[in-house]
Protein backbone atom coordinates (compact mmCIF):
# COMPACT_ATOMS: atom_id res chain seq x y z
CA MET A 1 -0.35 -0.51 0.15
CA PRO A 2 1.63 3.33 -0.18
CA ALA A 3 3.19 5.48 2.04
CA LEU A 4 0.09 8.02 2.48
CA THR A 5 -3.15 6.29 1.71
CA GLY A 6 -5.56 7.48 3.91
CA LYS A 7 -3.94 9.91 5.49
CA THR A 8 -4.78 13.58 5.48
CA LEU A 9 -2.82 16.75 4.53
CA PHE A 10 -3.31 19.80 5.58
CA ILE A 11 -0.88 22.20 2.72
CA THR A 12 -1.34 26.12 2.84
CA GLY A 13 -1.07 27.71 -0.62
CA ALA A 14 -1.90 24.53 -2.42
CA SER A 15 -3.66 26.18 -4.92
CA ARG A 16 -0.71 26.35 -7.49
CA GLY A 17 3.36 25.72 -7.69
CA ILE A 18 4.79 23.40 -5.36
CA GLY A 19 2.13 23.03 -2.92
CA LEU A 20 0.57 21.74 -5.61
CA ALA A 21 2.72 19.30 -6.33
CA ILE A 22 3.28 18.07 -3.26
CA ALA A 23 -1.12 17.67 -3.02
CA LEU A 24 -0.81 16.20 -6.32
CA ARG A 25 2.03 13.41 -5.21
CA ALA A 26 -0.12 12.84 -1.90
CA ALA A 27 -3.27 12.14 -4.29
CA ARG A 28 -1.75 10.23 -6.49
CA ASP A 29 -1.28 7.45 -3.27
CA GLY A 30 -5.15 8.11 -2.26
CA ALA A 31 -4.36 10.74 0.13
CA ASN A 32 -7.63 13.63 1.64
CA VAL A 33 -5.20 16.73 1.16
CA ALA A 34 -6.75 19.85 1.71
CA ILE A 35 -6.04 22.65 -0.03
CA ALA A 36 -5.91 25.83 2.42
CA ALA A 37 -5.36 28.84 0.14
CA LYS A 38 -6.54 32.57 -0.74
CA SER A 39 -7.21 31.85 -4.48
CA ALA A 40 -10.47 30.59 -4.66
CA VAL A 41 -11.13 32.93 -8.22
CA PRO A 42 -8.69 32.99 -11.19
CA ASN A 43 -6.37 35.03 -11.25
CA PRO A 44 -4.81 35.91 -15.17
CA ARG A 45 -1.53 36.33 -13.83
CA LEU A 46 -1.08 33.59 -11.79
CA PRO A 47 -3.23 30.40 -12.83
CA GLY A 48 -4.99 27.87 -10.36
CA THR A 49 -7.22 28.29 -7.72
CA ILE A 50 -8.28 26.49 -4.63
CA HIS A 51 -11.49 24.55 -6.67
CA SER A 52 -9.22 23.63 -9.55
CA ALA A 53 -6.65 22.45 -7.78
CA ALA A 54 -9.11 20.20 -5.87
CA ARG A 55 -10.36 19.17 -9.17
CA ALA A 56 -6.75 18.21 -9.75
CA VAL A 57 -6.01 16.20 -6.43
CA GLU A 58 -9.59 13.77 -7.34
CA GLU A 59 -8.21 13.15 -10.84
CA ALA A 60 -5.25 12.00 -9.62
CA GLY A 61 -6.55 9.68 -6.71
CA GLY A 62 -7.48 11.44 -3.76
CA ARG A 63 -9.66 13.22 -2.00
CA ALA A 64 -9.91 16.82 -1.49
CA LEU A 65 -11.70 19.90 0.39
CA ALA A 66 -10.87 23.22 -1.15
CA LEU A 67 -10.59 26.21 1.57
CA ARG A 68 -10.64 29.47 1.31
CA CYS A 69 -8.09 30.76 3.86
CA ASP A 70 -6.24 34.12 4.62
CA ILE A 71 -3.28 32.63 7.36
CA ARG A 72 -2.90 35.60 8.33
CA GLU A 73 -6.27 35.49 9.78
CA GLU A 74 -5.95 32.85 12.65
CA ALA A 75 -10.32 32.48 12.57
CA GLN A 76 -9.67 31.28 9.14
CA VAL A 77 -7.58 29.45 9.89
CA ARG A 78 -8.77 27.40 12.79
CA GLU A 79 -12.01 26.97 11.02
CA ALA A 80 -9.79 25.37 7.48
CA VAL A 81 -8.22 22.91 10.31
CA ALA A 82 -11.63 22.22 12.37
CA ARG A 83 -12.79 22.33 8.30
CA THR A 84 -10.82 19.15 7.63
CA VAL A 85 -10.59 17.08 10.73
CA GLU A 86 -14.80 17.07 10.17
CA ALA A 87 -14.61 16.07 6.82
CA PHE A 88 -11.95 13.14 6.56
CA GLY A 89 -12.01 12.61 10.63
CA GLY A 90 -8.27 13.58 11.44
CA LEU A 91 -5.39 15.40 10.88
CA ASP A 92 -2.13 13.32 10.20
CA ILE A 93 0.70 15.91 8.12
CA LEU A 94 0.20 19.69 7.96
CA VAL A 95 2.71 21.45 4.76
CA ASN A 96 3.13 25.12 5.25
CA ASN A 97 3.91 25.84 1.85
CA ALA A 98 2.31 29.64 1.59
CA SER A 99 5.06 32.44 1.74
CA ALA A 100 5.58 35.72 0.44
CA ILE A 101 8.18 37.51 -1.43
CA TRP A 102 10.11 40.51 -2.08
CA LEU A 103 13.68 40.93 -2.80
CA ARG A 104 14.39 43.83 -1.98
CA GLY A 105 16.75 46.47 -0.35
CA THR A 106 16.19 48.30 3.01
CA LEU A 107 14.53 51.60 0.56
CA ASP A 108 12.83 50.09 -2.46
CA THR A 109 10.46 47.88 0.70
CA PRO A 110 7.05 49.15 1.23
CA MET A 111 5.80 48.22 5.01
CA LYS A 112 2.62 46.68 3.55
CA ARG A 113 5.02 44.16 1.82
CA PHE A 114 7.19 44.03 4.63
CA ASP A 115 4.57 43.23 7.35
CA LEU A 116 3.09 40.83 4.54
CA MET A 117 6.09 38.95 4.38
CA GLN A 118 6.26 38.42 8.27
CA GLN A 119 1.92 37.99 8.55
CA VAL A 120 2.36 35.28 5.90
CA ASN A 121 5.68 33.12 6.12
CA ALA A 122 6.49 33.20 10.25
CA ARG A 123 3.49 34.36 11.76
CA GLY A 124 1.86 31.64 9.70
CA THR A 125 3.68 28.83 10.19
CA PHE A 126 3.85 29.11 13.74
CA LEU A 127 -0.56 29.94 13.58
CA CYS A 128 -0.94 26.76 11.21
CA ALA A 129 1.08 24.75 13.44
CA GLN A 130 -0.45 26.07 16.70
CA ALA A 131 -3.93 24.67 15.37
CA CYS A 132 -2.66 21.52 13.64
CA LEU A 133 -1.04 20.39 16.35
CA PRO A 134 -3.72 19.42 18.70
CA HIS A 135 -4.89 17.03 16.04
CA LEU A 136 -1.71 15.94 14.98
CA LEU A 137 -0.77 14.50 18.22
CA GLN A 138 -3.41 12.45 18.08
CA ALA A 139 -2.34 10.70 14.73
CA ALA A 140 -0.71 7.71 14.69
CA ASP A 141 2.67 8.98 12.73
CA PRO A 142 1.84 12.93 12.45
CA HIS A 143 4.39 15.11 10.30
CA ILE A 144 5.04 18.92 9.67
CA LEU A 145 7.02 19.84 7.13
CA THR A 146 7.56 23.48 6.41
CA LEU A 147 9.11 24.91 3.26
CA CYS A 148 12.17 26.45 4.72
CA PRO A 149 16.08 26.60 4.25
CA PRO A 150 18.40 26.11 6.68
CA PRO A 151 19.22 28.60 9.53
CA SER A 152 21.85 31.03 8.71
CA LEU A 153 23.05 34.25 11.00
CA ASP A 154 25.93 34.81 7.15
CA PRO A 155 25.44 38.43 6.35
CA LYS A 156 26.01 37.87 2.84
CA TRP A 157 22.28 36.87 2.40
CA TRP A 158 21.05 39.19 5.45
CA ALA A 159 22.17 42.55 3.24
CA PRO A 160 20.78 42.11 0.10
CA HIS A 161 16.95 41.84 1.17
CA THR A 162 16.64 41.99 5.07
CA GLY A 163 12.68 42.24 4.77
CA TYR A 164 12.03 38.36 2.99
CA THR A 165 15.31 36.95 4.62
CA LEU A 166 13.26 37.83 7.99
CA ALA A 167 10.41 36.52 7.14
CA LYS A 168 11.77 33.12 5.90
CA MET A 169 14.46 32.75 8.50
CA GLY A 170 11.26 32.92 11.02
CA MET A 171 10.10 30.15 9.05
CA SER A 172 12.85 28.07 9.54
CA PHE A 173 13.31 28.92 13.52
CA VAL A 174 9.63 28.13 14.18
CA THR A 175 10.48 24.66 12.24
CA LEU A 176 13.69 24.72 15.02
CA GLY A 177 11.56 25.85 18.16
CA LEU A 178 8.86 23.19 17.52
CA ALA A 179 10.88 20.57 16.82
CA ALA A 180 12.91 20.42 19.96
CA GLU A 181 9.16 21.97 21.99
CA PHE A 182 7.48 18.46 20.74
CA ALA A 183 10.79 15.94 20.69
CA ASP A 184 9.53 13.88 22.42
CA ARG A 185 6.09 14.00 21.78
CA GLY A 186 6.11 12.14 18.39
CA ILE A 187 5.64 14.60 15.85
CA ALA A 188 8.52 14.57 13.14
CA ILE A 189 8.64 18.56 12.86
CA ASN A 190 11.13 19.03 9.54
CA GLY A 191 12.72 21.72 7.20
CA LEU A 192 12.74 21.33 3.25
CA TRP A 193 13.98 23.93 0.83
CA PRO A 194 15.69 23.11 -2.51
CA ARG A 195 19.04 23.51 -4.22
CA THR A 196 18.40 25.36 -7.14
CA LEU A 197 15.08 27.33 -8.04
CA ILE A 198 12.14 26.06 -9.10
CA ALA A 199 10.21 27.33 -12.26
CA THR A 200 6.77 28.86 -10.38
CA ASP A 201 4.24 30.90 -12.15
CA ALA A 202 5.23 33.27 -8.96
CA LEU A 203 8.83 32.86 -9.78
CA ALA A 204 8.88 33.88 -13.23
CA MET A 205 7.13 37.14 -11.66
CA ILE A 206 10.29 38.37 -10.32
CA PRO A 207 11.99 40.44 -12.33
CA GLY A 208 15.51 39.09 -13.70
CA VAL A 209 14.32 35.34 -12.46
CA VAL A 210 14.75 32.18 -15.50
CA PRO A 211 12.43 29.84 -15.06
CA GLY A 212 14.70 27.89 -17.61
CA ASN A 213 17.39 27.68 -15.03
CA GLY A 214 15.31 25.55 -12.52
CA ARG A 215 13.74 22.59 -11.69
CA ALA A 216 10.35 21.83 -11.95
CA PRO A 217 8.35 21.82 -8.55
CA ALA A 218 7.66 17.68 -9.47
CA ILE A 219 11.68 17.65 -7.50
CA MET A 220 9.78 19.18 -4.16
CA ALA A 221 7.35 17.05 -3.99
CA ASP A 222 9.25 13.74 -4.37
CA ALA A 223 11.35 14.87 -1.44
CA ALA A 224 8.46 15.94 0.63
CA HIS A 225 6.59 12.71 -0.39
CA ALA A 226 10.16 10.77 0.84
CA VAL A 227 10.15 12.66 3.71
CA LEU A 228 6.33 12.68 4.86
CA SER A 229 6.60 8.56 4.04
CA ARG A 230 9.37 8.52 6.76
CA PRO A 231 8.14 7.24 10.67
CA SER A 232 7.79 10.11 12.44
CA ALA A 233 9.14 9.08 15.50
CA GLY A 234 12.80 10.04 16.31
CA PHE A 235 12.64 11.69 12.63
CA THR A 236 13.20 15.63 13.50
CA GLY A 237 14.55 18.73 13.58
CA ARG A 238 16.60 18.44 10.83
CA PHE A 239 16.84 20.72 7.36
CA LEU A 240 15.98 18.84 4.57
CA ILE A 241 17.59 19.89 0.61
CA ASP A 242 15.14 18.38 -1.97
CA ASP A 243 18.48 16.16 -4.15
CA GLU A 244 19.55 14.92 -0.82
CA VAL A 245 16.56 13.82 0.41
CA LEU A 246 16.28 11.68 -3.29
CA ARG A 247 19.39 10.68 -3.37
CA GLU A 248 19.14 8.56 0.15
CA ALA A 249 15.67 7.57 -1.67
CA GLY A 250 17.56 6.09 -4.25
CA VAL A 251 17.06 8.23 -6.56
CA THR A 252 20.55 8.99 -8.89
CA ASP A 253 19.38 11.09 -12.12
CA LEU A 254 17.67 14.14 -10.97
CA SER A 255 18.23 15.16 -14.86
CA GLY A 256 14.46 14.47 -15.94
CA TYR A 257 13.36 17.26 -13.41
CA ALA A 258 15.54 20.55 -15.08
CA VAL A 259 12.59 22.64 -17.12
CA ASP A 260 15.02 23.09 -19.79
CA PRO A 261 18.76 20.78 -20.00
CA ALA A 262 20.59 23.17 -21.90
CA GLN A 263 20.19 25.50 -19.17
CA PRO A 264 22.68 25.71 -16.31
CA LEU A 265 20.91 25.34 -13.06
CA LEU A 266 20.74 28.47 -10.84
CA PRO A 267 21.37 27.60 -7.58
CA ASP A 268 18.34 28.82 -4.77
CA LEU A 269 19.31 31.76 -2.28
CA PHE A 270 20.80 30.72 1.33
CA LEU A 271 22.69 28.04 0.25
CA ASP A 272 26.07 28.19 0.41
């Protein structure tokens, strides 16, 4: 039986990109997937809604619940988690995928953008974990997986875009703290980050970024699946890199994930 058969996942930002790819990979196992995102109506600049994602999950073999949820809003998060548990009878996995990005320096970062990043990234990760934990503590093999980099205080990652780095490292430090706090409770709480750029529609909107220099979201989905398929006991507090996870799982040829094999792969942020 596939590893995630019958498991229930709550995935933030799962209407498109990496979140949707993780949802579809779980669906192939026959998982239940709560699609928690703000996108309830089509956006011409960023295709994909909670409804199109839910249809794709069901077509892939899973069960889906489309939940319009802004993870900045505590009431919406708690209601979405409650609806997930009511629909599927429990909760096994939280994937903190939702994230806001603004790669500018201090003088070019409006406070509205700064606040959005802190609210979605660090605070949203903490809030979703807080709402899901009472249910995860009752699950047989629970996981929290957050898409965040290994924690770093190296100034080279902070100087170019302090606001974004603070928000993204905030997700990492929340992961670090939760893993330590719940180390003896049987929940696997880990981070996952890509070695290279991941070609998503959102990434393509950033000036100067060429999607052809990255890998497809499928590599993060396959790495997440490998992590979430592991027994949770004793497997916590780690900051994992997608290609290392796959190599450990026996996948040695990663060429198929390249968007354009003729283009060089560009490294993602926060990795030496």
